[in-house]
Amino acid sequence: MTQHSRDTPQFYLTAPSPCPYLPGRHERKVFTHLVGDKAGDLNDLLTHGGFRRSQSIAYRPACDQCRACVSVRVVANEFRPSRNFRKILARNADIVGEQRSAVPTSEQYSVFRAYLDQRHRHGGMADMTVLDYAMMVEDSHVETRIIEYRRRGVDSSITGRGLDLVAVALTDVLSDGLSMVYSFFEPSEESRSLGTFMILDHIARARRQGLPYVYLGYWIEGSKKMDYKGRFLPQQRLAPSGWLRIDASGEVPSEPQD
């Protein structure tokens, strides 16, 4: 890759393929590479414009006749957990999260493999090997962290570490927030609502770090896989005019947010 292409991103458009979220529709994506010394700045800029990162690629939907995918970010400082969210936090009071460098482990892959086999056995990631998983974690030119969630042990308050691994989040650290790239959990622990718990934990982490937002990716109304993201309020959703705030009452102000 030439120095020019590193400093000046080139954008590409994929061919149409079946949409994994809305039956009967097709998707296209625009994407570019995140490489070089300015990858972090570019990732920040593109995330603000509705892109998501996957390894060293930043992409966003560019479908011809559909705008169902809406980028969302939670307003961390103003978020107040609902009664249901508080129950989930209480249910996972015995879970401790540890932030680590983005280094893959066999223990993580074991949970990842069980998660895919139970919940996404027909999805696009179903055939990922341990090497594929390692690439997903390590192939990043931006500031990326792994957060491991474990059962709390008797000495966890001292060591900061828990016991057996139950969930993992791959997270980018942006200038204005945390971006949840991918998360997964032990399917035998489904009753814990660990997917929701990890989002709640990231909101708390962003608040402690003085970061205003938690980026959740795309909210898709009517999609069982993606509609849940609309429950984390207040949040901002990216519209053609900019980021629009959605508060707990579902009201949308007339002016976009910065």
Protein backbone atom coordinates (compact mmCIF):
# COMPACT_ATOMS: atom_id res chain seq x y z
CA MET A 1 0.00 0.00 0.00
CA THR A 2 1.45 3.39 -0.96
CA GLN A 3 1.91 6.28 1.46
CA HIS A 4 -0.68 8.24 -0.49
CA SER A 5 -3.33 5.58 0.05
CA ARG A 6 -2.49 5.44 3.74
CA ASP A 7 -2.98 9.18 4.21
CA THR A 8 -5.92 9.58 1.84
CA PRO A 9 -8.61 6.93 2.44
CA GLN A 10 -10.08 5.25 -0.61
CA PHE A 11 -13.70 4.14 -0.39
CA TYR A 12 -15.22 1.09 -2.07
CA LEU A 13 -18.75 -0.24 -2.57
CA THR A 14 -19.71 -3.88 -2.14
CA ALA A 15 -22.02 -5.78 -4.46
CA PRO A 16 -25.60 -6.40 -3.24
CA SER A 17 -26.10 -9.38 -0.92
CA PRO A 18 -29.05 -10.66 1.15
CA CYS A 19 -29.72 -8.54 4.22
CA PRO A 20 -29.02 -10.48 7.45
CA TYR A 21 -31.54 -8.39 9.43
CA LEU A 22 -34.61 -7.73 7.29
CA PRO A 23 -35.94 -10.63 5.19
CA GLY A 24 -36.42 -10.03 1.49
CA ARG A 25 -34.04 -7.08 1.33
CA HIS A 26 -30.51 -6.68 0.04
CA GLU A 27 -27.61 -4.75 1.52
CA ARG A 28 -24.62 -2.90 0.16
CA LYS A 29 -21.78 -1.37 2.16
CA VAL A 30 -19.26 1.38 1.58
CA PHE A 31 -15.92 0.68 3.23
CA THR A 32 -12.34 1.83 3.60
CA HIS A 33 -9.16 0.61 5.26
CA LEU A 34 -8.02 1.77 8.70
CA VAL A 35 -4.23 1.61 8.54
CA GLY A 36 -1.24 3.77 9.32
CA ASP A 37 -0.49 6.35 11.97
CA LYS A 38 -3.74 8.24 11.41
CA ALA A 39 -6.02 5.22 11.68
CA GLY A 40 -7.29 6.28 15.11
CA ASP A 41 -8.21 9.78 13.96
CA LEU A 42 -9.90 8.38 10.87
CA ASN A 43 -11.82 5.84 12.94
CA ASP A 44 -13.04 8.66 15.20
CA LEU A 45 -14.16 10.74 12.22
CA LEU A 46 -15.89 7.87 10.43
CA THR A 47 -17.61 6.62 13.60
CA HIS A 48 -19.10 10.09 14.02
CA GLY A 49 -20.39 9.69 10.47
CA GLY A 50 -22.08 6.34 11.08
CA PHE A 51 -19.30 3.88 10.22
CA ARG A 52 -18.43 0.74 12.18
CA ARG A 53 -15.09 -1.03 12.50
CA SER A 54 -14.41 -4.66 11.67
CA GLN A 55 -10.71 -5.51 12.00
CA SER A 56 -8.88 -2.99 9.79
CA ILE A 57 -12.02 -2.07 7.83
CA ALA A 58 -14.47 0.75 8.51
CA TYR A 59 -17.87 0.31 6.84
CA ARG A 60 -21.42 1.59 6.81
CA PRO A 61 -24.60 0.54 4.96
CA ALA A 62 -25.13 2.08 1.53
CA CYS A 63 -28.32 0.31 0.47
CA ASP A 64 -30.12 1.59 -2.61
CA GLN A 65 -33.67 1.79 -1.28
CA CYS A 66 -33.40 1.24 2.47
CA ARG A 67 -32.30 3.41 5.40
CA ALA A 68 -33.32 1.06 8.20
CA CYS A 69 -29.85 0.90 9.79
CA VAL A 70 -29.50 3.88 12.13
CA SER A 71 -26.31 4.58 14.10
CA VAL A 72 -26.99 5.05 17.81
CA ARG A 73 -24.93 6.26 20.75
CA VAL A 74 -26.03 6.35 24.39
CA VAL A 75 -25.63 9.61 26.32
CA ALA A 76 -23.65 8.11 29.20
CA ASN A 77 -23.86 10.85 31.83
CA GLU A 78 -27.62 11.22 31.53
CA PHE A 79 -28.47 7.52 31.37
CA ARG A 80 -30.52 6.23 34.28
CA PRO A 81 -31.26 2.49 34.37
CA SER A 82 -34.91 1.48 34.23
CA ARG A 83 -36.40 -0.95 36.72
CA ASN A 84 -35.69 -3.84 34.34
CA PHE A 85 -32.09 -2.71 33.86
CA ARG A 86 -31.61 -2.47 37.62
CA LYS A 87 -32.81 -6.06 37.95
CA ILE A 88 -30.22 -7.15 35.38
CA LEU A 89 -27.48 -5.29 37.25
CA ALA A 90 -28.53 -6.98 40.50
CA ARG A 91 -28.65 -10.38 38.79
CA ASN A 92 -25.02 -9.90 37.75
CA ALA A 93 -23.70 -8.41 40.97
CA ASP A 94 -21.37 -11.40 41.21
CA ILE A 95 -19.70 -10.56 37.86
CA VAL A 96 -16.49 -8.54 37.68
CA GLY A 97 -15.19 -6.96 34.46
CA GLU A 98 -11.47 -6.60 33.76
CA GLN A 99 -10.14 -4.41 30.94
CA ARG A 100 -7.17 -5.97 29.14
CA SER A 101 -5.04 -5.40 26.07
CA ALA A 102 -6.57 -6.77 22.87
CA VAL A 103 -4.90 -10.18 23.06
CA PRO A 104 -6.89 -13.31 22.13
CA THR A 105 -6.86 -16.38 24.37
CA SER A 106 -8.06 -19.95 24.03
CA GLU A 107 -10.45 -19.33 26.93
CA GLN A 108 -12.08 -16.45 25.04
CA TYR A 109 -12.38 -18.54 21.90
CA SER A 110 -14.04 -21.36 23.83
CA VAL A 111 -16.81 -18.97 24.94
CA PHE A 112 -16.94 -17.41 21.45
CA ARG A 113 -17.33 -20.82 19.81
CA ALA A 114 -20.09 -21.87 22.19
CA TYR A 115 -21.87 -18.55 21.58
CA LEU A 116 -21.78 -18.95 17.81
CA ASP A 117 -22.85 -22.59 17.89
CA GLN A 118 -25.82 -21.84 20.13
CA ARG A 119 -27.04 -18.49 18.80
CA HIS A 120 -25.57 -17.88 15.32
CA ARG A 121 -24.90 -21.30 13.85
CA HIS A 122 -26.20 -20.20 10.43
CA GLY A 123 -24.67 -16.71 10.49
CA GLY A 124 -21.76 -15.34 8.53
CA MET A 125 -19.33 -15.94 11.42
CA ALA A 126 -20.35 -19.55 12.07
CA ASP A 127 -17.22 -21.07 10.51
CA MET A 128 -14.67 -18.86 12.26
CA THR A 129 -11.62 -20.78 13.45
CA VAL A 130 -9.36 -19.90 16.35
CA LEU A 131 -7.09 -18.10 13.87
CA ASP A 132 -10.04 -16.12 12.51
CA TYR A 133 -10.91 -15.12 16.06
CA ALA A 134 -7.34 -14.05 16.72
CA MET A 135 -7.45 -11.83 13.62
CA MET A 136 -10.75 -10.29 14.76
CA VAL A 137 -9.12 -9.25 18.03
CA GLU A 138 -5.60 -8.37 16.92
CA ASP A 139 -6.13 -6.82 13.47
CA SER A 140 -6.69 -3.30 14.74
CA HIS A 141 -4.74 -0.10 14.07
CA VAL A 142 -6.77 1.87 16.62
CA GLU A 143 -6.95 1.82 20.45
CA THR A 144 -8.81 -1.41 21.20
CA ARG A 145 -9.41 -3.20 24.47
CA ILE A 146 -10.81 -6.55 25.60
CA ILE A 147 -13.08 -6.57 28.64
CA GLU A 148 -13.43 -9.99 30.24
CA TYR A 149 -16.36 -10.68 32.54
CA ARG A 150 -15.89 -13.34 35.20
CA ARG A 151 -17.65 -14.64 38.29
CA ARG A 152 -16.42 -12.79 41.34
CA GLY A 153 -14.07 -14.76 43.60
CA VAL A 154 -13.36 -14.30 47.28
CA ASP A 155 -10.24 -12.21 46.52
CA SER A 156 -11.58 -10.36 43.44
CA SER A 157 -11.83 -7.09 45.37
CA ILE A 158 -8.06 -7.33 45.93
CA THR A 159 -6.83 -8.80 42.64
CA GLY A 160 -9.46 -7.30 40.35
CA ARG A 161 -9.84 -10.70 38.67
CA GLY A 162 -12.69 -13.16 38.73
CA LEU A 163 -12.99 -16.89 38.21
CA ASP A 164 -14.47 -18.58 35.13
CA LEU A 165 -15.02 -16.45 32.03
CA VAL A 166 -18.69 -15.82 31.14
CA ALA A 167 -18.60 -12.91 28.66
CA VAL A 168 -16.25 -10.82 26.52
CA ALA A 169 -16.48 -7.41 24.86
CA LEU A 170 -14.14 -6.10 22.14
CA THR A 171 -14.20 -2.31 22.51
CA ASP A 172 -12.59 0.67 20.76
CA VAL A 173 -11.66 3.75 22.77
CA LEU A 174 -12.61 6.89 20.84
CA SER A 175 -11.98 10.54 21.64
CA ASP A 176 -15.60 10.95 22.78
CA GLY A 177 -16.68 7.50 23.85
CA LEU A 178 -16.48 3.73 23.84
CA SER A 179 -17.48 1.83 20.71
CA MET A 180 -18.66 -1.73 21.30
CA VAL A 181 -17.24 -3.59 18.31
CA TYR A 182 -18.39 -7.10 19.24
CA SER A 183 -19.50 -8.91 22.38
CA PHE A 184 -20.39 -12.50 23.21
CA PHE A 185 -21.19 -14.63 26.25
CA GLU A 186 -21.49 -18.16 27.54
CA PRO A 187 -24.89 -19.37 26.23
CA SER A 188 -25.52 -21.47 29.35
CA GLU A 189 -25.72 -18.15 31.23
CA GLU A 190 -28.48 -16.74 29.01
CA SER A 191 -30.76 -16.04 31.98
CA ARG A 192 -28.33 -13.37 33.16
CA SER A 193 -29.02 -11.13 30.11
CA LEU A 194 -25.27 -10.68 29.74
CA GLY A 195 -25.57 -8.81 26.44
CA THR A 196 -27.59 -6.09 28.16
CA PHE A 197 -25.34 -6.21 31.22
CA MET A 198 -22.23 -5.52 29.11
CA ILE A 199 -23.87 -2.43 27.59
CA LEU A 200 -24.83 -1.18 31.06
CA ASP A 201 -21.27 -1.80 32.23
CA HIS A 202 -19.85 0.14 29.25
CA ILE A 203 -22.12 3.09 30.04
CA ALA A 204 -20.76 3.10 33.60
CA ARG A 205 -17.19 2.80 32.30
CA ALA A 206 -17.65 5.70 29.88
CA ARG A 207 -19.05 7.84 32.69
CA ARG A 208 -16.06 7.03 34.95
CA GLN A 209 -13.63 7.86 32.14
CA GLY A 210 -15.34 11.16 31.38
CA LEU A 211 -16.44 10.01 27.92
CA PRO A 212 -19.87 11.27 26.79
CA TYR A 213 -21.04 8.39 24.59
CA VAL A 214 -21.25 4.63 24.16
CA TYR A 215 -21.57 3.70 20.48
CA LEU A 216 -23.77 0.62 19.96
CA GLY A 217 -23.66 0.31 16.19
CA TYR A 218 -26.89 0.11 14.22
CA TRP A 219 -30.40 0.19 15.59
CA ILE A 220 -32.88 -1.42 13.18
CA GLU A 221 -36.53 -0.98 14.04
CA GLY A 222 -38.42 -4.21 13.45
CA SER A 223 -35.32 -6.42 13.59
CA LYS A 224 -35.30 -8.89 16.50
CA LYS A 225 -31.48 -8.87 16.43
CA MET A 226 -31.02 -5.08 16.54
CA ASP A 227 -34.20 -3.43 17.87
CA TYR A 228 -33.10 -3.85 21.52
CA LYS A 229 -30.59 -1.00 21.17
CA GLY A 230 -33.45 1.50 21.19
CA ARG A 231 -34.09 0.78 24.90
CA PHE A 232 -30.94 2.56 26.14
CA LEU A 233 -32.17 6.12 26.61
CA PRO A 234 -31.41 8.93 26.31
CA GLN A 235 -29.55 8.25 23.10
CA GLN A 236 -28.69 9.98 19.86
CA ARG A 237 -29.50 8.58 16.43
CA LEU A 238 -27.72 9.68 13.29
CA ALA A 239 -30.01 11.32 10.72
CA PRO A 240 -29.13 13.16 7.48
CA SER A 241 -29.23 16.41 9.46
CA GLY A 242 -26.94 15.14 12.23
CA TRP A 243 -27.27 13.35 15.57
CA LEU A 244 -30.83 13.60 16.92
CA ARG A 245 -31.56 13.07 20.58
CA ILE A 246 -34.17 10.54 21.71
CA ASP A 247 -35.09 10.90 25.37
CA ALA A 248 -36.92 8.57 27.75
CA SER A 249 -40.31 9.74 26.47
CA GLY A 250 -39.38 9.01 22.86
CA GLU A 251 -39.45 12.69 21.94
CA VAL A 252 -37.18 13.96 19.17
CA PRO A 253 -35.99 17.60 19.31
CA SER A 254 -36.02 19.66 16.16
CA GLU A 255 -32.29 20.51 16.29
CA PRO A 256 -29.50 17.97 15.72
CA GLN A 257 -26.88 17.42 18.42
CA ASP A 258 -23.20 18.19 17.98
